[in-house]
Amino acid sequence: MVAAQGVWLTALAKRGFEAVGVEPWTPAIEVSGDLAEATGLQLDIREGGAESLPFEDGPVDFVHANSVLARSAG
């Protein structure tokens, strides 16, 4: 999931899910630290994009993509 500042990850973590976010914009990842501190939750947000996900190959239970824009090849 594109993590942005971690709002979706916070909602999922509060409900007991193990959630990991991917975010290409470093400032958003930095802001997520403030949200994690305010909520007392540990958020796992990794820098990356859909073209090159920062994970080992393997199965996942669920993928959610929110506000995803594709870049034109031309």
N, C-alpha and C. Protein backbone atom coordinates (compact mmCIF):
# COMPACT_ATOMS: atom_id res chain seq x y z
N MET A 1 0.84 -1.17 0.00
CA MET A 1 0.00 0.00 0.00
C MET A 1 0.88 1.23 0.00
N VAL A 2 0.48 2.24 -0.73
CA VAL A 2 1.18 3.51 -0.64
C VAL A 2 0.86 4.06 0.73
N ALA A 3 1.88 4.27 1.51
CA ALA A 3 1.68 4.54 2.92
C ALA A 3 1.40 5.99 3.26
N ALA A 4 1.86 6.92 2.44
CA ALA A 4 1.76 8.35 2.74
C ALA A 4 2.26 8.59 4.16
N GLN A 5 1.43 9.19 5.01
CA GLN A 5 1.87 9.48 6.38
C GLN A 5 1.50 8.37 7.37
N GLY A 6 0.96 7.28 6.90
CA GLY A 6 0.69 6.14 7.77
C GLY A 6 -0.72 6.03 8.33
N VAL A 7 -1.67 6.81 7.81
CA VAL A 7 -3.03 6.79 8.35
C VAL A 7 -3.69 5.42 8.19
N TRP A 8 -3.60 4.84 6.99
CA TRP A 8 -4.18 3.51 6.77
C TRP A 8 -3.48 2.47 7.62
N LEU A 9 -2.17 2.54 7.71
CA LEU A 9 -1.43 1.57 8.52
C LEU A 9 -1.82 1.68 9.99
N THR A 10 -2.05 2.88 10.46
CA THR A 10 -2.48 3.08 11.85
C THR A 10 -3.83 2.41 12.08
N ALA A 11 -4.77 2.61 11.17
CA ALA A 11 -6.09 2.00 11.30
C ALA A 11 -5.99 0.47 11.31
N LEU A 12 -5.16 -0.08 10.43
CA LEU A 12 -5.00 -1.53 10.38
C LEU A 12 -4.32 -2.07 11.63
N ALA A 13 -3.27 -1.39 12.08
CA ALA A 13 -2.55 -1.82 13.28
C ALA A 13 -3.45 -1.80 14.51
N LYS A 14 -4.30 -0.79 14.62
CA LYS A 14 -5.23 -0.72 15.76
C LYS A 14 -6.22 -1.88 15.76
N ARG A 15 -6.43 -2.49 14.62
CA ARG A 15 -7.35 -3.62 14.51
C ARG A 15 -6.62 -4.96 14.54
N GLY A 16 -5.31 -4.92 14.83
CA GLY A 16 -4.55 -6.14 15.02
C GLY A 16 -3.88 -6.72 13.80
N PHE A 17 -3.92 -6.01 12.68
CA PHE A 17 -3.28 -6.51 11.47
C PHE A 17 -1.78 -6.19 11.48
N GLU A 18 -1.00 -7.05 10.87
CA GLU A 18 0.41 -6.77 10.63
C GLU A 18 0.47 -6.13 9.25
N ALA A 19 0.67 -4.83 9.20
CA ALA A 19 0.61 -4.09 7.94
C ALA A 19 1.95 -3.43 7.66
N VAL A 20 2.32 -3.46 6.39
CA VAL A 20 3.56 -2.82 5.93
C VAL A 20 3.20 -1.91 4.78
N GLY A 21 3.71 -0.69 4.81
CA GLY A 21 3.43 0.27 3.75
C GLY A 21 4.65 0.54 2.90
N VAL A 22 4.40 0.96 1.67
CA VAL A 22 5.46 1.37 0.74
C VAL A 22 5.14 2.79 0.30
N GLU A 23 6.11 3.66 0.38
CA GLU A 23 5.91 5.07 0.05
C GLU A 23 7.12 5.60 -0.70
N PRO A 24 6.93 6.21 -1.88
CA PRO A 24 8.07 6.72 -2.64
C PRO A 24 8.56 8.10 -2.18
N TRP A 25 7.77 8.81 -1.38
CA TRP A 25 8.12 10.19 -1.03
C TRP A 25 8.67 10.24 0.39
N THR A 26 9.96 10.49 0.53
CA THR A 26 10.64 10.47 1.82
C THR A 26 10.01 11.39 2.87
N PRO A 27 9.60 12.63 2.54
CA PRO A 27 8.98 13.47 3.57
C PRO A 27 7.72 12.85 4.19
N ALA A 28 6.95 12.10 3.42
CA ALA A 28 5.76 11.44 3.97
C ALA A 28 6.17 10.37 4.98
N ILE A 29 7.23 9.66 4.68
CA ILE A 29 7.71 8.63 5.61
C ILE A 29 8.16 9.30 6.91
N GLU A 30 8.82 10.43 6.80
CA GLU A 30 9.27 11.15 8.00
C GLU A 30 8.09 11.60 8.85
N VAL A 31 7.03 12.09 8.23
CA VAL A 31 5.83 12.52 8.97
C VAL A 31 5.18 11.33 9.67
N SER A 32 5.27 10.14 9.06
CA SER A 32 4.67 8.96 9.68
C SER A 32 5.27 8.68 11.05
N GLY A 33 6.49 9.08 11.27
CA GLY A 33 7.11 8.92 12.59
C GLY A 33 6.38 9.72 13.65
N ASP A 34 5.91 10.91 13.30
CA ASP A 34 5.13 11.72 14.24
C ASP A 34 3.81 11.05 14.57
N LEU A 35 3.16 10.46 13.56
CA LEU A 35 1.90 9.76 13.78
C LEU A 35 2.12 8.53 14.66
N ALA A 36 3.18 7.79 14.40
CA ALA A 36 3.48 6.61 15.21
C ALA A 36 3.71 7.01 16.67
N GLU A 37 4.43 8.08 16.88
CA GLU A 37 4.70 8.55 18.24
C GLU A 37 3.40 8.99 18.93
N ALA A 38 2.55 9.69 18.20
CA ALA A 38 1.29 10.18 18.79
C ALA A 38 0.33 9.05 19.13
N THR A 39 0.36 7.97 18.37
CA THR A 39 -0.57 6.86 18.59
C THR A 39 0.03 5.75 19.44
N GLY A 40 1.34 5.76 19.62
CA GLY A 40 2.00 4.70 20.36
C GLY A 40 2.12 3.41 19.58
N LEU A 41 1.93 3.49 18.27
CA LEU A 41 2.03 2.31 17.41
C LEU A 41 3.35 2.33 16.65
N GLN A 42 3.84 1.15 16.31
CA GLN A 42 5.03 1.06 15.48
C GLN A 42 4.56 0.84 14.04
N LEU A 43 4.90 1.77 13.15
CA LEU A 43 4.50 1.68 11.75
C LEU A 43 5.69 1.25 10.91
N ASP A 44 5.48 0.30 10.04
CA ASP A 44 6.53 -0.19 9.14
C ASP A 44 6.25 0.37 7.74
N ILE A 45 6.92 1.46 7.41
CA ILE A 45 6.77 2.09 6.10
C ILE A 45 8.14 2.08 5.43
N ARG A 46 8.19 1.47 4.27
CA ARG A 46 9.46 1.31 3.55
C ARG A 46 9.47 2.19 2.30
N GLU A 47 10.64 2.74 2.01
CA GLU A 47 10.75 3.57 0.82
C GLU A 47 10.77 2.68 -0.42
N GLY A 48 9.95 3.04 -1.39
CA GLY A 48 9.91 2.27 -2.63
C GLY A 48 8.69 2.65 -3.44
N GLY A 49 8.52 1.96 -4.54
CA GLY A 49 7.38 2.19 -5.42
C GLY A 49 6.89 0.87 -5.98
N ALA A 50 5.78 0.92 -6.68
CA ALA A 50 5.16 -0.28 -7.22
C ALA A 50 6.05 -0.97 -8.24
N GLU A 51 6.92 -0.22 -8.91
CA GLU A 51 7.79 -0.80 -9.93
C GLU A 51 8.92 -1.63 -9.32
N SER A 52 9.22 -1.37 -8.06
CA SER A 52 10.32 -2.07 -7.39
C SER A 52 10.01 -2.17 -5.91
N LEU A 53 9.19 -3.13 -5.53
CA LEU A 53 8.77 -3.27 -4.14
C LEU A 53 9.92 -3.78 -3.26
N PRO A 54 10.05 -3.24 -2.05
CA PRO A 54 11.17 -3.61 -1.17
C PRO A 54 10.86 -4.85 -0.33
N PHE A 55 10.49 -5.96 -0.99
CA PHE A 55 10.15 -7.20 -0.30
C PHE A 55 10.73 -8.39 -1.04
N GLU A 56 10.92 -9.46 -0.30
CA GLU A 56 11.29 -10.74 -0.92
C GLU A 56 10.08 -11.25 -1.70
N ASP A 57 10.32 -12.08 -2.71
CA ASP A 57 9.22 -12.71 -3.43
C ASP A 57 8.48 -13.65 -2.50
N GLY A 58 7.17 -13.66 -2.60
CA GLY A 58 6.38 -14.57 -1.78
C GLY A 58 4.96 -14.08 -1.66
N PRO A 59 4.12 -14.90 -1.03
CA PRO A 59 2.71 -14.55 -0.93
C PRO A 59 2.43 -13.50 0.14
N VAL A 60 1.37 -12.75 -0.08
CA VAL A 60 0.83 -11.83 0.92
C VAL A 60 -0.67 -12.08 1.01
N ASP A 61 -1.27 -11.70 2.11
CA ASP A 61 -2.70 -11.95 2.30
C ASP A 61 -3.59 -10.91 1.63
N PHE A 62 -3.11 -9.67 1.54
CA PHE A 62 -3.97 -8.60 1.05
C PHE A 62 -3.10 -7.46 0.56
N VAL A 63 -3.50 -6.83 -0.53
CA VAL A 63 -2.81 -5.64 -1.04
C VAL A 63 -3.85 -4.56 -1.26
N HIS A 64 -3.57 -3.38 -0.75
CA HIS A 64 -4.47 -2.24 -0.93
C HIS A 64 -3.65 -1.10 -1.54
N ALA A 65 -4.11 -0.57 -2.64
CA ALA A 65 -3.43 0.56 -3.28
C ALA A 65 -4.38 1.74 -3.27
N ASN A 66 -3.93 2.84 -2.71
CA ASN A 66 -4.76 4.03 -2.57
C ASN A 66 -4.01 5.21 -3.19
N SER A 67 -4.69 5.98 -4.02
CA SER A 67 -4.10 7.17 -4.64
C SER A 67 -2.84 6.84 -5.43
N VAL A 68 -2.93 5.82 -6.26
CA VAL A 68 -1.77 5.40 -7.05
C VAL A 68 -1.88 6.02 -8.44
N LEU A 69 -0.82 6.66 -8.87
CA LEU A 69 -0.76 7.26 -10.20
C LEU A 69 0.32 6.56 -11.00
N ALA A 70 0.05 6.31 -12.24
CA ALA A 70 1.05 5.68 -13.11
C ALA A 70 1.82 6.76 -13.87
N ARG A 71 3.08 6.53 -14.07
CA ARG A 71 3.92 7.44 -14.82
C ARG A 71 3.92 7.00 -16.28
N SER A 72 3.78 7.94 -17.19
CA SER A 72 3.78 7.64 -18.61
C SER A 72 5.17 7.25 -19.08
N ALA A 73 5.24 6.26 -19.95
CA ALA A 73 6.52 5.82 -20.50
C ALA A 73 7.03 6.76 -21.59
N GLY A 74 6.19 7.63 -22.08
CA GLY A 74 6.62 8.44 -23.21
C GLY A 74 6.59 9.86 -22.92
